[in-house]
Protein backbone atom coordinates (compact mmCIF):
# COMPACT_ATOMS: atom_id res chain seq x y z
CA MET A 1 -9.17 6.88 7.90
CA ALA A 2 -6.12 5.17 9.37
CA LYS A 3 -2.97 6.26 7.63
CA ASN A 4 -0.65 3.52 6.46
CA VAL A 5 3.09 3.76 5.98
CA PHE A 6 4.05 1.90 2.79
CA ILE A 7 7.64 1.13 1.73
CA SER A 8 8.18 0.26 -1.96
CA THR A 9 11.97 -0.10 -2.00
CA ASN A 10 12.06 -3.73 -3.19
CA LEU A 11 9.38 -3.68 -5.86
CA LYS A 12 10.35 -4.37 -9.48
CA SER A 13 8.84 -1.02 -10.45
CA THR A 14 11.30 0.67 -8.08
CA LYS A 15 14.45 -1.25 -8.96
CA TYR A 16 13.99 -2.41 -12.55
CA ALA A 17 11.86 0.26 -14.25
CA GLU A 18 8.69 -1.84 -14.38
CA ARG A 19 5.31 -0.17 -14.98
CA ILE A 20 4.06 2.80 -12.98
CA PHE A 21 0.66 4.25 -13.96
CA ASP A 22 -0.94 7.64 -13.36
CA VAL A 23 -4.42 7.12 -11.91
CA VAL A 24 -7.31 8.87 -10.24
CA ALA A 25 -9.80 7.40 -7.74
CA ALA A 26 -13.38 8.23 -6.82
CA VAL A 27 -12.59 7.79 -3.09
CA ASP A 28 -9.81 8.91 -0.75
CA VAL A 29 -6.87 6.48 -0.99
CA GLU A 30 -3.95 5.93 1.33
CA ASN A 31 -0.56 4.66 0.27
CA GLY A 32 -0.38 0.87 0.34
CA THR A 33 -3.92 0.32 -0.96
CA PHE A 34 -4.06 -2.50 -3.50
CA GLY A 35 -6.43 -2.43 -6.44
CA TYR A 36 -6.74 -2.54 -10.21
CA LEU A 37 -7.13 -0.23 -13.20
CA ASN A 38 -10.59 0.24 -14.69
CA GLY A 39 -10.03 1.94 -18.05
CA LEU A 40 -9.02 5.49 -18.85
CA ALA A 41 -10.47 8.32 -16.78
CA THR A 42 -12.98 10.61 -18.50
CA ASN A 43 -11.35 12.93 -21.07
CA GLN A 44 -7.86 11.57 -20.28
CA THR A 45 -5.25 10.03 -22.55
CA HIS A 46 -2.93 8.51 -19.93
CA ILE A 47 -4.67 8.72 -16.51
CA TYR A 48 -6.56 5.57 -15.53
CA ASN A 49 -9.35 4.92 -13.01
CA PHE A 50 -8.08 3.17 -9.86
CA VAL A 51 -10.45 0.85 -8.00
CA PRO A 52 -9.41 -0.34 -4.51
CA GLY A 53 -9.75 -4.07 -3.87
CA THR A 54 -10.02 -6.94 -6.33
CA LYS A 55 -12.46 -8.43 -8.80
CA ALA A 56 -12.91 -11.88 -10.27
CA GLY A 57 -10.60 -12.64 -13.16
CA LEU A 58 -7.63 -10.45 -12.19
CA VAL A 59 -4.34 -11.95 -13.35
CA ALA A 60 -0.67 -11.24 -12.72
CA GLY A 61 0.23 -7.81 -14.02
CA GLU A 62 -3.18 -6.32 -13.25
CA VAL A 63 -2.76 -5.92 -9.49
CA VAL A 64 -1.41 -2.49 -8.57
CA VAL A 65 -0.61 -0.69 -5.33
CA ALA A 66 -0.95 3.01 -4.52
CA ASP A 67 2.46 4.49 -3.84
CA ASN A 68 2.48 8.24 -4.26
CA PRO A 69 5.16 10.50 -2.78
CA ALA A 70 3.96 11.94 0.50
CA TRP A 71 3.90 15.55 -0.68
CA LYS A 72 1.07 18.01 -0.79
CA GLU A 73 1.26 21.10 -2.92
CA ASP A 74 1.85 24.10 -0.69
CA THR A 75 4.59 26.57 0.02
CA SER A 76 6.29 24.73 2.89
CA ARG A 77 6.93 21.13 1.94
CA ILE A 78 8.88 20.39 5.12
CA THR A 79 5.73 20.46 7.26
CA ASN A 80 3.79 17.86 5.32
CA GLN A 81 6.19 15.08 4.40
CA ARG A 82 5.42 12.67 7.25
CA ARG A 83 4.34 9.41 5.67
CA ASP A 84 1.74 8.73 8.33
CA ASN A 85 -0.13 11.96 7.54
CA TYR A 86 -0.59 11.30 3.85
CA VAL A 87 -3.92 10.46 2.21
CA ILE A 88 -4.60 11.03 -1.49
CA PRO A 89 -7.89 12.95 -1.82
CA ALA A 90 -10.54 11.66 -4.25
CA GLY A 91 -10.13 13.12 -7.73
CA THR A 92 -6.41 13.87 -7.30
CA PRO A 93 -4.07 12.12 -9.78
CA PHE A 94 -1.49 9.84 -8.18
CA ARG A 95 0.74 6.89 -9.07
CA VAL A 96 0.34 3.15 -8.70
CA ARG A 97 2.92 0.43 -9.18
CA VAL A 98 2.30 -2.94 -10.80
CA VAL A 99 3.19 -5.70 -8.33
CA ALA A 100 5.01 -8.85 -9.38
CA LYS A 101 5.85 -12.23 -7.91
CA ASN A 102 8.83 -12.08 -5.52
CA ASP A 103 8.35 -8.34 -4.90
CA GLU A 104 8.92 -7.24 -1.31
CA PHE A 105 7.22 -4.27 0.32
CA GLY A 106 6.85 -2.87 3.80
CA THR A 107 3.59 -1.93 5.46
CA ALA A 108 2.53 -0.71 8.86
CA ILE A 109 -0.32 -2.35 10.78
CA GLU A 110 -2.73 0.31 9.44
CA GLY A 111 -2.42 -1.33 6.02
CA VAL A 112 -4.12 -4.45 7.39
CA THR A 113 -7.86 -4.81 7.98
CA SER A 114 -8.78 -4.21 11.62
CA ALA A 115 -10.38 -7.67 11.89
CA SER A 116 -7.10 -9.41 11.00
CA GLN A 117 -4.49 -7.14 12.64
CA SER A 118 -4.03 -9.57 15.54
CA ALA A 119 -2.77 -12.23 13.08
CA MET A 120 -0.12 -9.91 11.59
CA ASP A 121 3.31 -11.17 12.62
CA VAL A 122 6.37 -12.83 11.10
CA GLY A 123 5.22 -15.93 9.21
CA ALA A 124 1.67 -14.70 8.61
CA TYR A 125 0.10 -14.91 5.16
CA VAL A 126 -1.49 -11.82 3.63
CA THR A 127 -4.03 -11.45 0.82
CA ILE A 128 -5.97 -8.46 -0.53
CA ASP A 129 -9.38 -7.55 0.88
CA SER A 130 -11.69 -7.51 -2.13
CA SER A 131 -13.59 -4.36 -1.12
CA THR A 132 -11.08 -2.07 0.64
CA GLY A 133 -7.75 -3.00 -0.93
CA LYS A 134 -6.15 -3.43 2.49
CA LEU A 135 -4.25 -6.56 3.40
CA VAL A 136 -5.89 -9.44 5.27
CA ALA A 137 -3.54 -11.37 7.58
CA SER A 138 -4.00 -15.05 8.39
CA ALA A 139 -2.02 -17.84 10.03
CA THR A 140 -2.81 -20.17 7.11
CA ALA A 141 -2.44 -19.85 3.35
CA ALA A 142 -5.52 -19.06 1.24
CA SER A 143 -6.84 -21.63 -1.22
CA THR A 144 -7.13 -19.49 -4.38
CA PRO A 145 -5.84 -15.95 -3.75
CA ILE A 146 -5.45 -13.26 -6.38
CA MET A 147 -2.29 -12.22 -4.53
CA GLU A 148 -0.70 -13.81 -1.50
CA GLY A 149 2.43 -12.90 0.38
CA LYS A 150 4.18 -13.93 3.54
CA VAL A 151 5.54 -11.67 6.29
CA MET A 152 9.29 -12.27 6.22
CA ARG A 153 10.45 -9.91 8.99
CA LYS A 154 9.54 -6.77 10.87
CA TYR A 155 11.44 -3.74 12.08
CA VAL A 156 10.82 -0.40 13.75
CA MET A 157 11.09 2.69 11.57
CA GLY A 158 11.73 6.00 13.31
CA ALA A 159 11.98 6.72 17.00
CA THR A 160 10.20 8.52 19.80
CA LEU A 161 11.38 10.64 22.69
CA ALA A 162 9.22 11.31 25.71
CA THR A 163 9.93 14.24 28.00
CA ALA A 164 7.91 15.61 30.89
CA ALA A 165 6.44 18.28 28.60
CA HIS A 166 6.01 16.53 25.22
CA ASN A 167 6.27 13.37 23.20
CA TYR A 168 8.39 13.75 20.06
CA GLY A 169 8.85 11.65 16.94
CA LEU A 170 7.08 8.69 15.44
CA ALA A 171 7.96 5.01 15.62
CA LYS A 172 6.14 2.48 13.44
CA THR A 173 6.55 -1.26 13.18
CA ILE A 174 6.99 -2.13 9.50
CA TYR A 175 6.15 -5.65 8.30
CA VAL A 176 8.11 -6.77 5.23
CA VAL A 177 5.97 -8.93 2.93
CA LYS A 178 7.25 -11.05 0.03
CA ILE A 179 4.69 -11.81 -2.68
CA ASP A 180 4.67 -15.56 -3.30
CA THR A 181 1.53 -15.96 -5.43
CA LEU A 182 -0.18 -13.90 -8.13
CA ALA A 183 -3.21 -15.27 -9.95
């Protein structure tokens, strides 16, 4: 599984205390996976089932995105906080954020389906893949998307240093997407 870097700094749920849900999924999920809630989990009062992708009839306020802190429970948290190493195992509770029109988020190329990664650049349109929850990039706008955004800018997060003995660090290109349309 490719590991996406997802930046949620400019979502309403980050800045304006909009909804964040506790969920659990039947499959491994990486940060930046879009999906929807499918009722309460078995024997739970506040943890919902998360389903990656979309379904017919989703409306604004029902589209959510996985955005869990990149921490694993162990004794040395410093060794496991790299965002590119984080995948939420199936059955583990995590958090999702409700997305809203005009939200902005950042994603690395791993958050885009492999078939459409070549189209990912400034000015590209992105929608949600209905089965995986990853983004699908296109040069043209979709006709009736559940969610559509546009890549506004890109930047490099992190840095690398190459020496004769080793390569150090991690640099990722982050694409900033603004959500223009929600069904």
